[in-house]
Amino acid sequence: MMNKLRLLLLTGILFSFCRASAQSADEVYNQYLDFNLARLQGETDKALSLGEDLLPNADKLKANARASFYYSIGHLYENNAQSVKAIEYYEKVVAAVPEYYVAQRGLGYLYAKQAEELRVSGSANYTAMARKALPHLEKAQACDPDNDTLDLIKFMYTHIHDTAALSTLNSRLKQLSKSCVDLLDDK
């Protein structure tokens, strides 16, 4: 009888603990709103802290809000010189919303930076990293033409000696420009 009472008491305590630690979707969304408010008010450190607290529960956000959150925290990480973390979250956004060229641009430039470091150091891995950056840069260029991005794309193709890709660049950009998302809807 005493063992059953202890088991029942222990089960009740565990259930209470699990319930207290589990956050509802509404609570997570409220955290997301607090994160956005801090970010929009320029409180970068606070926004990063709130965002990092939100990360373990981000899967409870609706898909659109989750993509917007991942982009925003990725952008904060990028601006805070944490490119590895920025890449991780930009990749999630691009996987969820491939037409969102703003995340494509961020990802492309971060990969291009890594490629340039490899090129300068004479690493044989430059070509692979350049090829990783180029599709993202092309999507960004197709949706929001920019001379600097176009010059970077051409520079990279020239340095990896891919004249075939360079000669078909305009047709690819035209095709890619048919489907562009410039704002994420978080509703």
Protein backbone atom coordinates (compact mmCIF):
# COMPACT_ATOMS: atom_id res chain seq x y z
CA MET A 1 0.00 0.00 0.00
CA MET A 2 2.84 2.39 0.92
CA ASN A 3 4.63 1.66 -2.39
CA LYS A 4 1.47 2.44 -4.38
CA LEU A 5 1.09 5.72 -2.51
CA ARG A 6 4.72 6.65 -3.20
CA LEU A 7 4.35 5.71 -6.86
CA LEU A 8 1.19 7.78 -7.14
CA LEU A 9 2.86 10.75 -5.43
CA LEU A 10 5.96 10.46 -7.63
CA THR A 11 3.80 10.25 -10.78
CA GLY A 12 1.90 13.36 -9.70
CA ILE A 13 5.12 15.28 -9.10
CA LEU A 14 6.56 14.23 -12.47
CA PHE A 15 3.33 15.16 -14.25
CA SER A 16 3.31 18.58 -12.57
CA PHE A 17 6.95 19.17 -13.49
CA CYS A 18 6.41 18.19 -17.13
CA ARG A 19 3.34 20.37 -17.38
CA ALA A 20 5.12 23.34 -15.82
CA SER A 21 8.14 23.04 -18.14
CA ALA A 22 6.20 22.45 -21.35
CA GLN A 23 5.23 25.62 -23.15
CA SER A 24 2.07 26.01 -25.11
CA ALA A 25 2.09 27.28 -28.69
CA ASP A 26 0.54 30.54 -27.45
CA GLU A 27 3.32 31.05 -24.90
CA VAL A 28 5.96 30.36 -27.55
CA TYR A 29 4.28 32.80 -29.93
CA ASN A 30 4.29 35.44 -27.18
CA GLN A 31 8.03 34.84 -26.75
CA TYR A 32 8.39 35.30 -30.50
CA LEU A 33 6.54 38.63 -30.27
CA ASP A 34 8.83 39.75 -27.43
CA PHE A 35 11.85 38.73 -29.53
CA ASN A 36 10.57 40.76 -32.49
CA LEU A 37 9.86 43.79 -30.33
CA ALA A 38 13.38 43.79 -28.89
CA ARG A 39 14.85 43.31 -32.37
CA LEU A 40 12.79 46.11 -33.90
CA GLN A 41 13.69 48.45 -31.04
CA GLY A 42 17.37 47.85 -31.75
CA GLU A 43 17.97 45.96 -28.51
CA THR A 44 20.30 43.44 -30.15
CA ASP A 45 21.65 41.76 -27.02
CA LYS A 46 18.17 41.37 -25.57
CA ALA A 47 16.82 40.08 -28.88
CA LEU A 48 19.63 37.53 -29.15
CA SER A 49 18.98 36.36 -25.60
CA LEU A 50 15.23 36.08 -26.19
CA GLY A 51 15.84 34.34 -29.50
CA GLU A 52 18.19 31.81 -27.98
CA ASP A 53 15.62 31.11 -25.26
CA LEU A 54 13.03 30.57 -27.98
CA LEU A 55 15.12 28.24 -30.16
CA PRO A 56 14.35 24.99 -28.27
CA ASN A 57 10.62 25.62 -28.74
CA ALA A 58 10.66 27.19 -32.21
CA ASP A 59 9.03 24.06 -33.64
CA LYS A 60 5.84 25.13 -31.82
CA LEU A 61 5.58 28.24 -34.00
CA LYS A 62 3.48 28.04 -37.14
CA ALA A 63 5.59 27.37 -40.24
CA ASN A 64 5.48 30.99 -41.47
CA ALA A 65 6.40 32.43 -38.07
CA ARG A 66 9.15 29.84 -37.66
CA ALA A 67 10.71 30.79 -41.03
CA SER A 68 10.51 34.48 -40.12
CA PHE A 69 12.05 33.78 -36.71
CA TYR A 70 14.88 31.75 -38.22
CA TYR A 71 15.63 34.52 -40.69
CA SER A 72 15.60 37.16 -37.96
CA ILE A 73 17.85 35.26 -35.58
CA GLY A 74 20.14 34.34 -38.47
CA HIS A 75 20.40 38.01 -39.38
CA LEU A 76 21.17 38.92 -35.76
CA TYR A 77 23.90 36.28 -35.68
CA GLU A 78 25.31 37.56 -38.97
CA ASN A 79 25.44 41.12 -37.67
CA ASN A 80 27.06 39.82 -34.48
CA ALA A 81 29.91 38.15 -36.45
CA GLN A 82 28.58 34.66 -35.73
CA SER A 83 28.48 33.45 -39.31
CA VAL A 84 28.35 29.73 -38.50
CA LYS A 85 25.14 30.22 -36.52
CA ALA A 86 23.77 32.61 -39.15
CA ILE A 87 24.33 30.01 -41.86
CA GLU A 88 22.51 27.37 -39.82
CA TYR A 89 19.35 29.46 -39.59
CA TYR A 90 19.50 30.91 -43.11
CA GLU A 91 19.68 27.31 -44.36
CA LYS A 92 16.47 26.52 -42.48
CA VAL A 93 14.74 29.52 -44.06
CA VAL A 94 15.93 28.65 -47.56
CA ALA A 95 14.73 25.05 -47.07
CA ALA A 96 11.30 26.28 -45.98
CA VAL A 97 10.92 29.21 -48.41
CA PRO A 98 13.37 28.79 -51.31
CA GLU A 99 11.96 31.82 -53.13
CA TYR A 100 12.86 34.15 -50.24
CA TYR A 101 15.80 35.82 -51.89
CA VAL A 102 16.80 37.91 -48.85
CA ALA A 103 17.88 34.77 -46.99
CA GLN A 104 19.42 33.47 -50.21
CA ARG A 105 21.53 36.65 -50.43
CA GLY A 106 22.66 36.40 -46.81
CA LEU A 107 23.60 32.75 -47.24
CA GLY A 108 25.32 33.39 -50.56
CA TYR A 109 27.46 36.20 -49.18
CA LEU A 110 28.43 34.19 -46.09
CA TYR A 111 29.49 31.27 -48.26
CA ALA A 112 31.26 33.67 -50.64
CA LYS A 113 33.20 35.09 -47.69
CA GLN A 114 34.31 31.59 -46.73
CA ALA A 115 35.20 30.89 -50.37
CA GLU A 116 37.30 34.06 -50.56
CA GLU A 117 39.20 33.08 -47.42
CA LEU A 118 39.93 29.72 -49.05
CA ARG A 119 40.98 31.35 -52.33
CA VAL A 120 43.35 33.75 -50.60
CA SER A 121 44.91 30.92 -48.61
CA GLY A 122 45.36 28.88 -51.79
CA SER A 123 43.10 26.09 -50.60
CA ALA A 124 41.84 23.56 -53.12
CA ASN A 125 38.45 23.77 -51.37
CA TYR A 126 37.75 27.16 -52.94
CA THR A 127 35.89 25.69 -55.90
CA ALA A 128 33.53 23.64 -53.73
CA MET A 129 32.73 26.60 -51.50
CA ALA A 130 32.23 28.90 -54.49
CA ARG A 131 29.82 26.38 -55.99
CA LYS A 132 27.96 26.35 -52.69
CA ALA A 133 27.63 30.15 -52.72
CA LEU A 134 26.72 30.66 -56.37
CA PRO A 135 23.13 29.30 -56.46
CA HIS A 136 22.19 31.52 -53.53
CA LEU A 137 23.83 34.57 -55.07
CA GLU A 138 22.12 33.86 -58.39
CA LYS A 139 18.69 33.69 -56.75
CA ALA A 140 19.35 36.98 -54.98
CA GLN A 141 20.60 38.59 -58.19
CA ALA A 142 17.61 37.34 -60.16
CA CYS A 143 15.12 38.76 -57.69
CA ASP A 144 16.92 41.96 -56.73
CA PRO A 145 19.57 42.88 -59.31
CA ASP A 146 22.66 44.45 -57.83
CA ASN A 147 25.92 45.25 -59.62
CA ASP A 148 28.07 44.11 -56.69
CA THR A 149 26.34 40.73 -56.54
CA LEU A 150 26.57 40.31 -60.30
CA ASP A 151 30.28 41.18 -60.23
CA LEU A 152 30.84 38.66 -57.44
CA ILE A 153 29.04 35.93 -59.37
CA LYS A 154 31.12 36.61 -62.48
CA PHE A 155 34.33 36.77 -60.42
CA MET A 156 33.61 33.39 -58.85
CA TYR A 157 32.74 31.69 -62.14
CA THR A 158 35.89 33.12 -63.68
CA HIS A 159 38.06 31.88 -60.81
CA ILE A 160 36.62 28.37 -60.88
CA HIS A 161 37.03 28.36 -64.68
CA ASP A 162 33.38 27.60 -65.39
CA THR A 163 32.85 29.45 -68.66
CA ALA A 164 29.81 27.32 -69.52
CA ALA A 165 27.93 28.45 -66.39
CA LEU A 166 29.04 32.02 -66.99
CA SER A 167 27.74 31.95 -70.58
CA THR A 168 24.28 30.75 -69.46
CA LEU A 169 24.03 33.06 -66.44
CA ASN A 170 21.56 35.50 -67.99
CA SER A 171 19.09 32.77 -68.94
CA ARG A 172 19.30 31.26 -65.43
CA LEU A 173 18.73 34.66 -63.83
CA LYS A 174 15.70 35.23 -66.05
CA GLN A 175 14.25 31.86 -65.05
CA LEU A 176 14.99 32.40 -61.35
CA SER A 177 13.34 35.84 -61.42
CA LYS A 178 9.92 34.30 -62.09
CA SER A 179 9.39 33.34 -58.47
CA CYS A 180 10.63 35.75 -55.82
CA VAL A 181 9.54 36.38 -52.24
CA ASP A 182 10.77 39.59 -50.64
CA LEU A 183 8.81 39.55 -47.37
CA LEU A 184 8.00 36.67 -45.07
CA ASP A 185 4.48 36.50 -43.73
CA ASP A 186 4.63 35.32 -40.13
CA LYS A 187 0.91 34.77 -39.70
